[in-house]
Amino acid sequence: MLVEFLALDDPVRASLLGPHAHLAERRGRVLRYPRDVSPFLSMPQDPGPADWQDVAALAGEGGDVPLTGPAASPPAGWEEARNVPGVQLTGERVAGAHDARVERLGPADVPEILGLIERTKPGPFLPRTVELGTYLGIRSGGALVAMAGERLRPPGWTEISAVCTEPAHRGRGLATRLVLAVAAGIRERGETPFLHASAANTHAIRLYERLGFRLRRTTEFRTVRVPARVRIEGGP
């Protein structure tokens, strides 16, 4: 359990070295997902100048880099573009519940998924994000009105993400049904669900706690920006 919990300190790196290794792009000690799958990138625990050069090469001049794992201070000239307090919750007590009324979403549903994401803003979702795991949705009148799915997969764990509901359909328990349905699939693999939320999103946190999730740690969702004129070693 100690090893698993350490993996949750940097779930991006643990995922890219584990179940998502087939998606990993590497430069030196820096790992990232393909640009159309996820924006996340992971640095080693002790990043040095060479690692920041590799980050710049992967992200490109002016590129935004979401930082995960241990706190790291970028070199001079790098701008902090975003820093949002967040929480990480784990669901050891969440058994989940299958729901015959939800449907599995796939590549054909991506245009509709992206529309829902744009209207509800649950977090980053890209054209190939559905490749990270199982995504489930609920429709009303044929239209997708709520969804949730699997994102990061550090060994032994799976993150529940992209939980969102159209404003007109909120208050009907759709998010609860979807979170429990996704959690049921995670449990069937012998894994434990976990998730992240903005610390300011107290409504969502209360919902997750009612479902059995508990706070593991506070964190920060940090994004830094590669300088427009950064010198990239080995670059073009």
Protein backbone atom coordinates (compact mmCIF):
# COMPACT_ATOMS: atom_id res chain seq x y z
CA MET A 1 0.00 0.00 0.00
CA LEU A 2 2.90 2.39 0.71
CA VAL A 3 4.21 2.00 -2.85
CA GLU A 4 0.71 2.58 -4.24
CA PHE A 5 0.24 5.71 -2.17
CA LEU A 6 3.60 7.06 -3.32
CA ALA A 7 2.34 6.56 -6.88
CA LEU A 8 -0.55 8.90 -6.06
CA ASP A 9 1.95 11.66 -5.29
CA ASP A 10 2.77 11.73 -9.02
CA PRO A 11 -0.03 9.78 -10.72
CA VAL A 12 0.94 11.07 -14.17
CA ARG A 13 4.43 9.59 -13.98
CA ALA A 14 3.16 6.39 -12.37
CA SER A 15 0.59 6.02 -15.17
CA LEU A 16 3.07 6.66 -17.97
CA LEU A 17 5.52 4.16 -16.48
CA GLY A 18 2.71 1.66 -15.89
CA PRO A 19 -0.66 1.02 -17.57
CA HIS A 20 -0.30 3.99 -19.95
CA ALA A 21 3.29 3.22 -20.98
CA HIS A 22 2.10 2.58 -24.55
CA LEU A 23 1.09 6.25 -24.74
CA ALA A 24 4.24 7.72 -23.19
CA GLU A 25 6.41 10.18 -25.06
CA ARG A 26 9.85 10.58 -23.52
CA ARG A 27 12.69 13.03 -23.78
CA GLY A 28 15.47 12.35 -21.30
CA ARG A 29 13.81 11.90 -17.92
CA VAL A 30 10.64 13.82 -18.87
CA LEU A 31 7.47 11.96 -19.81
CA ARG A 32 4.29 13.23 -21.39
CA TYR A 33 1.10 12.08 -23.08
CA PRO A 34 0.56 12.75 -26.79
CA ARG A 35 -0.74 16.29 -27.32
CA ASP A 36 -4.15 15.10 -28.52
CA VAL A 37 -4.60 12.67 -25.60
CA SER A 38 -3.77 14.72 -22.49
CA PRO A 39 -1.84 17.90 -21.65
CA PHE A 40 -0.09 16.27 -18.67
CA LEU A 41 3.66 16.01 -18.38
CA SER A 42 5.82 14.54 -15.62
CA MET A 43 9.28 15.53 -14.49
CA PRO A 44 11.66 13.53 -12.29
CA GLN A 45 11.68 14.23 -8.56
CA ASP A 46 14.98 16.14 -8.80
CA PRO A 47 14.70 18.18 -12.02
CA GLY A 48 17.83 19.95 -13.21
CA PRO A 49 18.58 22.34 -16.09
CA ALA A 50 18.68 19.50 -18.64
CA ASP A 51 15.22 18.36 -17.60
CA TRP A 52 13.77 21.84 -18.08
CA GLN A 53 15.37 21.91 -21.52
CA ASP A 54 13.63 18.66 -22.32
CA VAL A 55 10.32 20.08 -21.07
CA ALA A 56 10.81 23.06 -23.39
CA ALA A 57 11.55 20.75 -26.31
CA LEU A 58 8.39 18.72 -25.68
CA ALA A 59 6.09 21.69 -25.08
CA GLY A 60 7.59 24.12 -27.62
CA GLU A 61 8.25 27.84 -27.29
CA GLY A 62 5.38 29.55 -25.49
CA GLY A 63 3.81 26.20 -24.63
CA ASP A 64 1.87 25.69 -21.40
CA VAL A 65 3.13 22.90 -19.17
CA PRO A 66 0.88 21.45 -16.42
CA LEU A 67 3.21 20.34 -13.62
CA THR A 68 2.44 17.25 -11.54
CA GLY A 69 4.22 15.43 -8.77
CA PRO A 70 6.74 17.06 -6.42
CA ALA A 71 6.81 20.86 -6.45
CA ALA A 72 9.47 22.16 -8.83
CA SER A 73 10.62 25.71 -9.47
CA PRO A 74 11.10 26.50 -13.17
CA PRO A 75 14.16 28.43 -14.39
CA ALA A 76 14.24 32.20 -14.58
CA GLY A 77 12.10 33.56 -17.38
CA TRP A 78 9.42 30.89 -17.14
CA GLU A 79 6.01 32.35 -16.29
CA GLU A 80 3.54 30.69 -13.92
CA ALA A 81 0.38 30.75 -16.00
CA ARG A 82 -1.94 29.05 -13.50
CA ASN A 83 -1.93 27.93 -9.89
CA VAL A 84 -5.21 26.60 -8.51
CA PRO A 85 -5.51 24.94 -5.08
CA GLY A 86 -6.90 21.44 -5.35
CA VAL A 87 -7.63 18.25 -3.45
CA GLN A 88 -7.00 14.57 -4.08
CA LEU A 89 -9.56 12.10 -2.73
CA THR A 90 -9.38 8.31 -2.60
CA GLY A 91 -12.26 5.84 -2.66
CA GLU A 92 -11.21 2.79 -0.67
CA ARG A 93 -14.77 2.64 0.69
CA VAL A 94 -16.47 3.22 -2.67
CA ALA A 95 -17.83 -0.04 -4.09
CA GLY A 96 -19.59 1.52 -7.06
CA ALA A 97 -22.84 0.45 -8.68
CA HIS A 98 -23.53 -0.64 -12.24
CA ASP A 99 -26.27 1.25 -14.04
CA ALA A 100 -28.00 -0.22 -17.08
CA ARG A 101 -29.23 3.25 -18.08
CA VAL A 102 -25.77 4.66 -18.82
CA GLU A 103 -23.95 3.99 -22.08
CA ARG A 104 -20.32 3.57 -22.98
CA LEU A 105 -18.86 6.39 -25.06
CA GLY A 106 -16.26 5.93 -27.76
CA PRO A 107 -14.46 7.69 -30.60
CA ALA A 108 -17.69 8.25 -32.54
CA ASP A 109 -19.04 10.27 -29.61
CA VAL A 110 -16.03 12.60 -29.37
CA PRO A 111 -17.62 15.59 -31.15
CA GLU A 112 -20.60 15.48 -28.79
CA ILE A 113 -18.31 14.91 -25.78
CA LEU A 114 -16.20 17.94 -26.70
CA GLY A 115 -19.35 20.04 -26.98
CA LEU A 116 -20.47 19.00 -23.50
CA ILE A 117 -16.99 19.66 -22.12
CA GLU A 118 -16.94 23.12 -23.66
CA ARG A 119 -20.29 23.99 -22.07
CA THR A 120 -19.52 22.60 -18.60
CA LYS A 121 -15.73 23.15 -18.20
CA PRO A 122 -14.83 20.12 -16.00
CA GLY A 123 -11.18 20.23 -17.11
CA PRO A 124 -9.05 19.36 -20.12
CA PHE A 125 -10.46 16.90 -22.64
CA LEU A 126 -8.92 16.35 -26.07
CA PRO A 127 -9.85 14.40 -29.21
CA ARG A 128 -8.11 11.19 -28.04
CA THR A 129 -8.73 11.43 -24.29
CA VAL A 130 -11.27 8.61 -24.63
CA GLU A 131 -8.31 6.26 -25.18
CA LEU A 132 -7.27 6.65 -21.53
CA GLY A 133 -10.05 4.40 -20.21
CA THR A 134 -13.80 3.85 -20.01
CA TYR A 135 -16.11 6.85 -20.45
CA LEU A 136 -19.81 6.61 -19.68
CA GLY A 137 -22.65 8.96 -20.54
CA ILE A 138 -26.33 9.63 -20.01
CA ARG A 139 -28.59 10.90 -22.79
CA SER A 140 -31.86 12.78 -22.74
CA GLY A 141 -33.85 13.04 -25.92
CA GLY A 142 -30.89 11.51 -27.73
CA ALA A 143 -28.49 14.25 -26.60
CA LEU A 144 -25.53 13.63 -24.29
CA VAL A 145 -26.26 15.54 -21.08
CA ALA A 146 -23.85 14.03 -18.53
CA MET A 147 -20.66 11.99 -18.50
CA ALA A 148 -17.74 10.70 -16.43
CA GLY A 149 -14.79 8.46 -17.14
CA GLU A 150 -11.31 7.17 -16.37
CA ARG A 151 -8.15 9.23 -16.82
CA LEU A 152 -4.89 8.54 -14.93
CA ARG A 153 -4.04 4.95 -14.02
CA PRO A 154 -1.17 4.63 -11.55
CA PRO A 155 -0.77 0.92 -10.73
CA GLY A 156 -3.60 -0.24 -8.49
CA TRP A 157 -5.62 2.93 -8.93
CA THR A 158 -7.79 4.65 -11.55
CA GLU A 159 -8.75 8.32 -11.55
CA ILE A 160 -12.37 9.27 -12.17
CA SER A 161 -12.47 12.42 -14.28
CA ALA A 162 -14.53 14.55 -16.70
CA VAL A 163 -17.55 14.45 -14.37
CA CYS A 164 -19.98 16.95 -15.87
CA THR A 165 -23.69 17.60 -16.39
CA GLU A 166 -25.54 20.06 -18.58
CA PRO A 167 -26.84 22.89 -16.34
CA ALA A 168 -30.46 22.20 -17.25
CA HIS A 169 -30.13 18.59 -16.06
CA ARG A 170 -28.35 19.18 -12.75
CA GLY A 171 -29.93 18.23 -9.44
CA ARG A 172 -31.19 14.89 -10.78
CA GLY A 173 -28.40 12.66 -9.46
CA LEU A 174 -26.82 12.05 -12.86
CA ALA A 175 -23.26 12.73 -11.62
CA THR A 176 -23.78 10.32 -8.72
CA ARG A 177 -24.97 7.57 -11.05
CA LEU A 178 -22.05 8.05 -13.40
CA VAL A 179 -19.37 8.22 -10.70
CA LEU A 180 -20.69 5.03 -9.12
CA ALA A 181 -20.93 3.29 -12.50
CA VAL A 182 -17.34 4.20 -13.39
CA ALA A 183 -16.20 3.14 -9.91
CA ALA A 184 -17.90 -0.25 -10.34
CA GLY A 185 -15.85 -0.94 -13.45
CA ILE A 186 -12.67 0.10 -11.66
CA ARG A 187 -13.46 -2.21 -8.75
CA GLU A 188 -14.05 -5.14 -11.12
CA ARG A 189 -10.41 -4.81 -12.23
CA GLY A 190 -9.29 -5.02 -8.61
CA GLU A 191 -8.31 -1.34 -8.55
CA THR A 192 -9.32 1.57 -6.32
CA PRO A 193 -10.89 4.80 -7.61
CA PHE A 194 -9.51 8.22 -6.81
CA LEU A 195 -10.13 11.71 -8.13
CA HIS A 196 -9.09 15.34 -8.06
CA ALA A 197 -11.15 18.49 -7.66
CA SER A 198 -10.59 22.20 -7.32
CA ALA A 199 -10.56 23.14 -3.64
CA ALA A 200 -13.09 25.86 -4.48
CA ASN A 201 -15.56 23.32 -5.90
CA THR A 202 -17.06 22.55 -2.51
CA HIS A 203 -20.31 21.25 -4.01
CA ALA A 204 -18.47 18.49 -5.92
CA ILE A 205 -16.27 17.67 -2.93
CA ARG A 206 -19.31 17.24 -0.69
CA LEU A 207 -20.86 14.93 -3.29
CA TYR A 208 -17.72 12.79 -3.49
CA GLU A 209 -17.49 12.60 0.30
CA ARG A 210 -21.12 11.47 0.50
CA LEU A 211 -20.25 8.67 -1.93
CA GLY A 212 -17.43 7.50 0.34
CA PHE A 213 -14.36 9.30 -0.99
CA ARG A 214 -12.03 10.79 1.60
CA LEU A 215 -9.42 13.50 1.45
CA ARG A 216 -5.91 12.16 0.96
CA ARG A 217 -4.05 15.42 0.45
CA THR A 218 -4.27 18.97 -0.78
CA THR A 219 -2.38 19.84 -3.94
CA GLU A 220 -1.95 22.56 -6.56
CA PHE A 221 -2.85 22.52 -10.23
CA ARG A 222 0.13 24.46 -11.61
CA THR A 223 0.86 25.43 -15.18
CA VAL A 224 4.06 27.14 -16.30
CA ARG A 225 4.77 28.64 -19.70
CA VAL A 226 7.88 28.00 -21.76
CA PRO A 227 9.56 31.33 -22.63
CA ALA A 228 8.99 32.41 -26.22
CA ARG A 229 12.71 32.62 -26.87
CA VAL A 230 13.98 29.73 -24.79
CA ARG A 231 17.12 28.02 -26.11
CA ILE A 232 16.36 24.34 -26.70
CA GLU A 233 19.33 22.02 -26.71
CA GLY A 234 19.18 19.62 -29.60
CA GLY A 235 16.27 21.51 -31.10
CA PRO A 236 15.96 22.59 -34.73
